[in-house]
Protein backbone atom coordinates (compact mmCIF):
# COMPACT_ATOMS: atom_id res chain seq x y z
CA MET A 1 10.53 34.03 -12.65
CA VAL A 2 8.56 34.78 -9.50
CA ALA A 3 7.60 31.72 -7.46
CA VAL A 4 3.88 30.96 -7.32
CA HIS A 5 1.87 28.66 -5.07
CA ARG A 6 0.34 25.46 -6.41
CA ARG A 7 -1.73 22.70 -4.76
CA VAL A 8 -0.46 19.12 -4.85
CA THR A 9 -2.67 16.25 -3.63
CA TYR A 10 -1.50 12.86 -2.37
CA LYS A 11 -3.49 9.89 -1.07
CA LEU A 12 -2.43 8.83 2.43
CA TYR A 13 -2.14 5.22 3.57
CA PRO A 14 -2.05 5.19 7.40
CA ASP A 15 -2.10 1.95 9.37
CA ALA A 16 -4.96 1.19 11.79
CA ALA A 17 -3.36 2.99 14.76
CA GLN A 18 -2.48 6.04 12.66
CA ALA A 19 -5.99 6.18 11.18
CA ALA A 20 -7.46 6.16 14.68
CA ALA A 21 -5.06 8.93 15.73
CA LEU A 22 -6.08 11.01 12.69
CA GLU A 23 -9.74 10.54 13.61
CA ARG A 24 -9.07 11.70 17.19
CA ALA A 25 -7.14 14.74 16.00
CA CYS A 26 -9.88 15.65 13.51
CA ASP A 27 -12.57 15.31 16.21
CA LEU A 28 -10.58 17.56 18.56
CA HIS A 29 -10.26 20.21 15.85
CA ARG A 30 -14.00 19.96 15.16
CA ALA A 31 -14.78 20.34 18.88
CA LEU A 32 -12.53 23.43 18.96
CA TYR A 33 -14.30 24.92 15.94
CA ASN A 34 -17.76 24.31 17.41
CA GLY A 35 -16.70 25.52 20.87
CA ALA A 36 -15.22 28.73 19.46
CA LEU A 37 -18.39 29.32 17.43
CA GLU A 38 -20.56 28.83 20.52
CA GLU A 39 -18.32 31.19 22.50
CA ARG A 40 -18.76 33.95 19.91
CA ILE A 41 -22.52 33.46 19.79
CA GLU A 42 -23.00 33.46 23.59
CA ALA A 43 -20.67 36.43 24.15
CA TYR A 44 -22.64 38.56 21.73
CA ARG A 45 -26.03 37.30 22.93
CA LYS A 46 -25.38 37.84 26.64
CA ALA A 47 -23.00 40.81 26.69
CA GLY A 48 -23.09 42.30 23.19
CA LYS A 49 -19.38 41.57 22.92
CA SER A 50 -17.60 40.50 19.75
CA ILE A 51 -14.74 38.04 20.20
CA GLY A 52 -12.05 38.02 17.54
CA PHE A 53 -9.42 35.62 16.30
CA ALA A 54 -6.56 36.97 18.47
CA GLU A 55 -8.58 36.68 21.67
CA GLN A 56 -9.64 33.13 20.92
CA CYS A 57 -6.02 32.16 20.23
CA LYS A 58 -5.21 33.22 23.79
CA PHE A 59 -8.04 31.02 25.07
CA VAL A 60 -6.59 28.06 23.16
CA MET A 61 -3.27 28.47 24.95
CA ALA A 62 -5.14 28.20 28.27
CA ILE A 63 -7.02 25.12 27.02
CA ARG A 64 -3.75 23.43 26.07
CA LEU A 65 -2.43 23.94 29.60
CA ASP A 66 -5.46 22.19 31.13
CA ASP A 67 -6.22 19.49 28.54
CA PRO A 68 -3.52 16.90 27.66
CA ALA A 69 -5.39 15.93 24.47
CA TYR A 70 -5.08 19.45 23.05
CA ARG A 71 -1.56 19.83 24.41
CA ALA A 72 -0.55 16.92 22.14
CA LEU A 73 -1.74 18.81 19.05
CA ASN A 74 0.32 21.37 17.20
CA ALA A 75 -0.44 24.91 18.45
CA GLN A 76 -0.30 26.53 15.01
CA SER A 77 -2.57 23.82 13.64
CA LEU A 78 -5.19 24.80 16.23
CA GLN A 79 -4.80 28.43 15.18
CA ILE A 80 -5.60 27.46 11.58
CA THR A 81 -8.89 25.94 12.74
CA LEU A 82 -9.75 29.18 14.56
CA LYS A 83 -8.73 31.16 11.49
CA ARG A 84 -11.20 29.19 9.38
CA LEU A 85 -13.98 30.16 11.78
CA ASP A 86 -12.84 33.79 11.69
CA ARG A 87 -12.87 33.71 7.88
CA ALA A 88 -16.41 32.30 7.98
CA PHE A 89 -17.53 35.29 10.07
CA GLN A 90 -15.73 37.72 7.76
CA ASN A 91 -17.54 36.25 4.77
CA PHE A 92 -20.83 36.43 6.68
CA PHE A 93 -20.47 40.15 7.39
CA ARG A 94 -19.27 40.79 3.83
CA ARG A 95 -22.43 39.20 2.44
CA VAL A 96 -24.61 41.16 4.89
CA LYS A 97 -23.09 44.46 3.71
CA ALA A 98 -23.50 43.45 0.07
CA GLY A 99 -27.18 42.61 0.59
CA GLN A 100 -26.66 38.95 -0.26
CA THR A 101 -27.98 35.89 1.57
CA PRO A 102 -25.79 36.01 4.72
CA GLY A 103 -25.35 32.34 5.63
CA PHE A 104 -24.40 32.49 9.31
CA PRO A 105 -21.54 30.11 10.29
CA ARG A 106 -22.89 26.71 11.35
CA PHE A 107 -21.83 24.09 13.82
CA ARG A 108 -19.99 21.26 12.10
CA SER A 109 -20.99 17.62 12.33
CA ARG A 110 -18.47 14.87 11.71
CA ASP A 111 -19.53 14.50 8.08
CA ARG A 112 -19.21 18.25 7.44
CA PHE A 113 -15.81 18.88 8.94
CA PRO A 114 -13.16 18.39 6.24
CA GLY A 115 -10.00 18.11 8.34
CA PHE A 116 -7.20 20.22 9.78
CA GLY A 117 -4.08 21.99 8.57
CA PHE A 118 -0.51 22.98 9.40
CA LYS A 119 0.92 26.45 8.91
CA GLN A 120 4.62 25.81 8.27
CA HIS A 121 6.64 22.91 6.89
CA GLY A 122 8.71 21.36 9.64
CA ASP A 123 6.39 22.54 12.42
CA GLY A 124 4.12 19.58 13.14
CA PHE A 125 4.54 17.94 9.75
CA ARG A 126 7.27 17.06 7.27
CA PHE A 127 6.85 15.73 3.75
CA THR A 128 9.66 13.86 2.03
CA PRO A 129 8.95 13.44 -1.70
CA GLY A 130 10.10 10.48 -3.74
CA THR A 131 12.16 10.62 -6.94
CA GLY A 132 10.70 13.26 -9.25
CA TRP A 133 8.10 14.07 -6.60
CA ARG A 134 6.32 10.82 -7.34
CA HIS A 135 4.86 9.47 -4.07
CA GLY A 136 6.57 10.25 -0.77
CA THR A 137 6.38 10.00 3.01
CA LEU A 138 4.44 12.24 5.39
CA ARG A 139 5.45 12.47 9.05
CA LEU A 140 2.98 14.01 11.48
CA SER A 141 3.85 14.96 15.04
CA GLY A 142 2.36 12.44 17.49
CA ILE A 143 1.11 10.16 14.71
CA GLY A 144 4.18 8.97 12.83
CA ALA A 145 5.25 8.41 9.22
CA MET A 146 2.85 7.16 6.57
CA GLU A 147 3.01 6.50 2.86
CA ALA A 148 1.68 9.14 0.43
CA ARG A 149 0.95 8.26 -3.18
CA GLY A 150 0.61 10.76 -6.01
CA VAL A 151 2.72 12.90 -8.29
CA ALA A 152 3.36 16.65 -8.50
CA ARG A 153 3.19 18.27 -11.92
CA THR A 154 5.50 21.07 -10.75
CA PRO A 155 7.89 20.31 -7.84
CA GLY A 156 8.93 23.06 -5.48
CA GLU A 157 9.31 24.01 -1.82
CA VAL A 158 6.63 22.82 0.60
CA VAL A 159 4.94 25.74 2.37
CA CYS A 160 1.97 24.32 4.33
CA CYS A 161 -0.54 21.51 4.14
CA ASP A 162 -4.07 20.31 4.90
CA ILE A 163 -5.04 16.84 6.09
CA GLN A 164 -8.42 16.02 4.59
CA ARG A 165 -10.86 13.25 5.45
CA LYS A 166 -12.95 12.14 2.49
CA SER A 167 -15.25 9.25 1.69
CA ASP A 168 -12.40 7.17 0.29
CA GLY A 169 -9.82 7.79 3.01
CA TRP A 170 -7.30 10.40 4.08
CA TRP A 171 -5.65 12.86 1.70
CA LEU A 172 -2.72 15.26 1.92
CA SER A 173 -3.09 18.64 0.19
CA LEU A 174 0.26 20.45 -0.02
CA VAL A 175 0.88 24.07 -0.96
CA VAL A 176 4.12 24.23 -2.93
CA ALA A 177 6.08 27.35 -3.90
CA CYS A 178 7.38 26.68 -7.41
CA GLU A 179 8.23 28.14 -10.79
CA PRO A 180 5.81 26.44 -13.20
CA HIS A 181 6.98 25.69 -16.71
CA ARG A 182 4.32 24.92 -19.29
CA GLU A 183 5.03 23.89 -22.87
CA ALA A 184 3.11 26.04 -25.34
CA GLY A 185 3.31 27.24 -28.91
CA VAL A 186 3.05 30.74 -30.33
CA GLY A 187 -0.21 30.10 -32.18
CA VAL A 188 -3.70 31.12 -31.13
CA VAL A 189 -6.63 28.81 -30.52
CA GLY A 190 -10.21 29.66 -29.65
CA ILE A 191 -11.96 27.29 -27.24
CA ASP A 192 -15.71 27.01 -26.77
CA TRP A 193 -16.68 24.93 -23.74
CA GLY A 194 -20.08 23.43 -24.42
CA ILE A 195 -22.68 20.84 -23.48
CA GLU A 196 -23.12 18.80 -26.63
CA THR A 197 -19.32 18.61 -26.88
CA CYS A 198 -16.81 19.02 -24.08
CA ALA A 199 -14.90 21.63 -26.08
CA THR A 200 -14.60 22.93 -29.64
CA ALA A 201 -11.24 24.35 -30.70
CA CYS A 202 -10.77 26.74 -33.62
CA THR A 203 -7.22 27.14 -34.94
CA GLY A 204 -8.02 29.11 -38.11
CA PRO A 205 -10.70 29.95 -40.69
CA MET A 206 -13.05 26.94 -40.86
CA GLN A 207 -10.53 24.84 -38.92
CA PHE A 208 -12.42 23.23 -36.06
CA GLY A 209 -11.75 20.28 -33.80
CA GLU A 210 -14.09 18.79 -31.23
CA VAL A 211 -13.48 17.00 -27.94
CA PRO A 212 -16.49 14.75 -27.23
CA ASN A 213 -18.50 15.01 -24.02
CA GLU A 214 -18.37 11.71 -22.13
CA ARG A 215 -21.49 12.60 -20.05
CA PHE A 216 -20.32 10.84 -16.90
CA GLY A 217 -23.22 12.24 -14.88
CA ALA A 218 -25.87 10.82 -17.24
CA ALA A 219 -24.23 7.40 -17.06
CA GLU A 220 -24.29 7.41 -13.26
CA VAL A 221 -27.63 9.11 -12.61
CA GLU A 222 -29.62 5.92 -12.03
CA ALA A 223 -26.96 4.44 -9.75
CA LEU A 224 -26.87 7.69 -7.73
CA ARG A 225 -30.65 7.69 -7.39
CA GLU A 226 -30.61 4.12 -6.12
CA GLU A 227 -27.92 5.00 -3.56
CA GLN A 228 -30.00 8.00 -2.45
CA ARG A 229 -33.11 5.84 -2.09
CA ALA A 230 -31.15 3.33 -0.01
CA LEU A 231 -29.95 6.13 2.26
CA SER A 232 -33.48 7.52 2.58
CA ARG A 233 -34.83 4.10 3.60
CA ALA A 234 -32.03 3.65 6.14
CA LEU A 235 -32.72 7.08 7.71
CA ARG A 236 -36.44 6.45 8.33
CA GLY A 237 -35.76 4.81 11.65
CA LYS A 238 -33.22 5.47 14.33
CA ARG A 239 -29.62 6.25 13.27
CA SER A 240 -28.03 2.90 12.55
CA ARG A 241 -24.99 1.23 11.06
CA ARG A 242 -27.03 0.63 7.91
CA ALA A 243 -27.57 4.37 7.47
CA LEU A 244 -23.86 5.04 8.03
CA LYS A 245 -22.95 2.42 5.43
CA ALA A 246 -25.45 3.84 2.91
CA ARG A 247 -24.11 7.36 3.41
CA ARG A 248 -20.55 6.20 2.82
CA LEU A 249 -21.51 4.31 -0.35
CA LEU A 250 -23.27 7.38 -1.74
CA ALA A 251 -20.29 9.59 -0.88
CA LYS A 252 -17.87 7.17 -2.55
CA ARG A 253 -19.91 7.01 -5.74
CA SER A 254 -20.13 10.82 -5.88
CA ARG A 255 -16.40 11.02 -5.24
CA ARG A 256 -15.65 8.58 -8.08
CA LEU A 257 -17.82 10.64 -10.43
CA ALA A 258 -15.94 13.82 -9.48
CA ASN A 259 -12.61 12.04 -10.03
CA ARG A 260 -13.66 10.87 -13.50
CA ARG A 261 -14.61 14.41 -14.46
CA LYS A 262 -11.34 15.81 -13.15
CA ASP A 263 -9.36 13.10 -14.94
CA ARG A 264 -11.18 13.92 -18.18
CA THR A 265 -10.30 17.60 -17.80
CA ASP A 266 -6.64 16.68 -17.28
CA GLN A 267 -6.78 14.60 -20.48
CA VAL A 268 -8.43 17.37 -22.53
CA ARG A 269 -5.89 20.02 -21.56
CA PRO A 270 -2.89 18.46 -23.40
CA VAL A 271 -5.07 17.86 -26.48
CA LEU A 272 -5.93 21.56 -26.66
CA CYS A 273 -2.30 22.53 -26.05
CA ALA A 274 -1.27 20.24 -28.91
CA ARG A 275 -3.73 22.01 -31.20
CA THR A 276 -2.19 25.34 -30.16
CA ARG A 277 1.30 24.13 -31.04
CA SER A 278 0.16 22.64 -34.33
CA SER A 279 -1.44 25.97 -35.28
CA SER A 280 1.86 27.85 -34.84
CA PRO A 281 2.99 29.66 -38.00
CA LYS A 282 5.61 27.77 -39.98
CA THR A 283 8.97 29.39 -40.54
């Protein structure tokens, strides 16, 4: 079987010093992204010149020689940040040619910059999984080792990773080369994803089964509105700690809602697979 790539997500638990180091690294990557975007804009505006990914990578090497802060970061990790900007421009020109709304690449604020990545396992980062790939330890160059909690459905060989900053902390997103094995029957099941019900499965003539819709969004809509009102009131004046706190509370509630929906999907999948196996022809 040919190896395929799968995403595996772990929650990181850095100590106070490591969390501060992650923040500094993320801010440096964001400054690089915004600086490279400004460079492209000004070069085209003043000289009609287009600057590409390869040329900006050369500029980064010069920056690392002059700035100790960037010299402490992994060189390939900085290239990934530049590659993300280059991909944003490629998507922009693709949409222009297709006649779609272009969406020119924007400068990134702290709240809109997701994190940074590493290109190759062993170069700047190393992940050591626990038994059965349940939990593990992540070691980052210049930051140290920190605990990672989670479990991989399909273990494999670590290829690359992203370090992501979210409302509820830091997360590790690994790309793993693996050979997935999924248990399945030989029967056929028809699935209708709906609104009144989460899913309706048909395994034969007049043989239907329903998975109820939990309606997590409807249950949280009033709480989300109250959080949004609190944020709106906090933003009326000058930027303050109260506004920052309100924004974080709203982001955490939205994140919890997304997690509940994802967890529900993970619970529905084995139910539908079980219906497929139970519908297999008897021998």
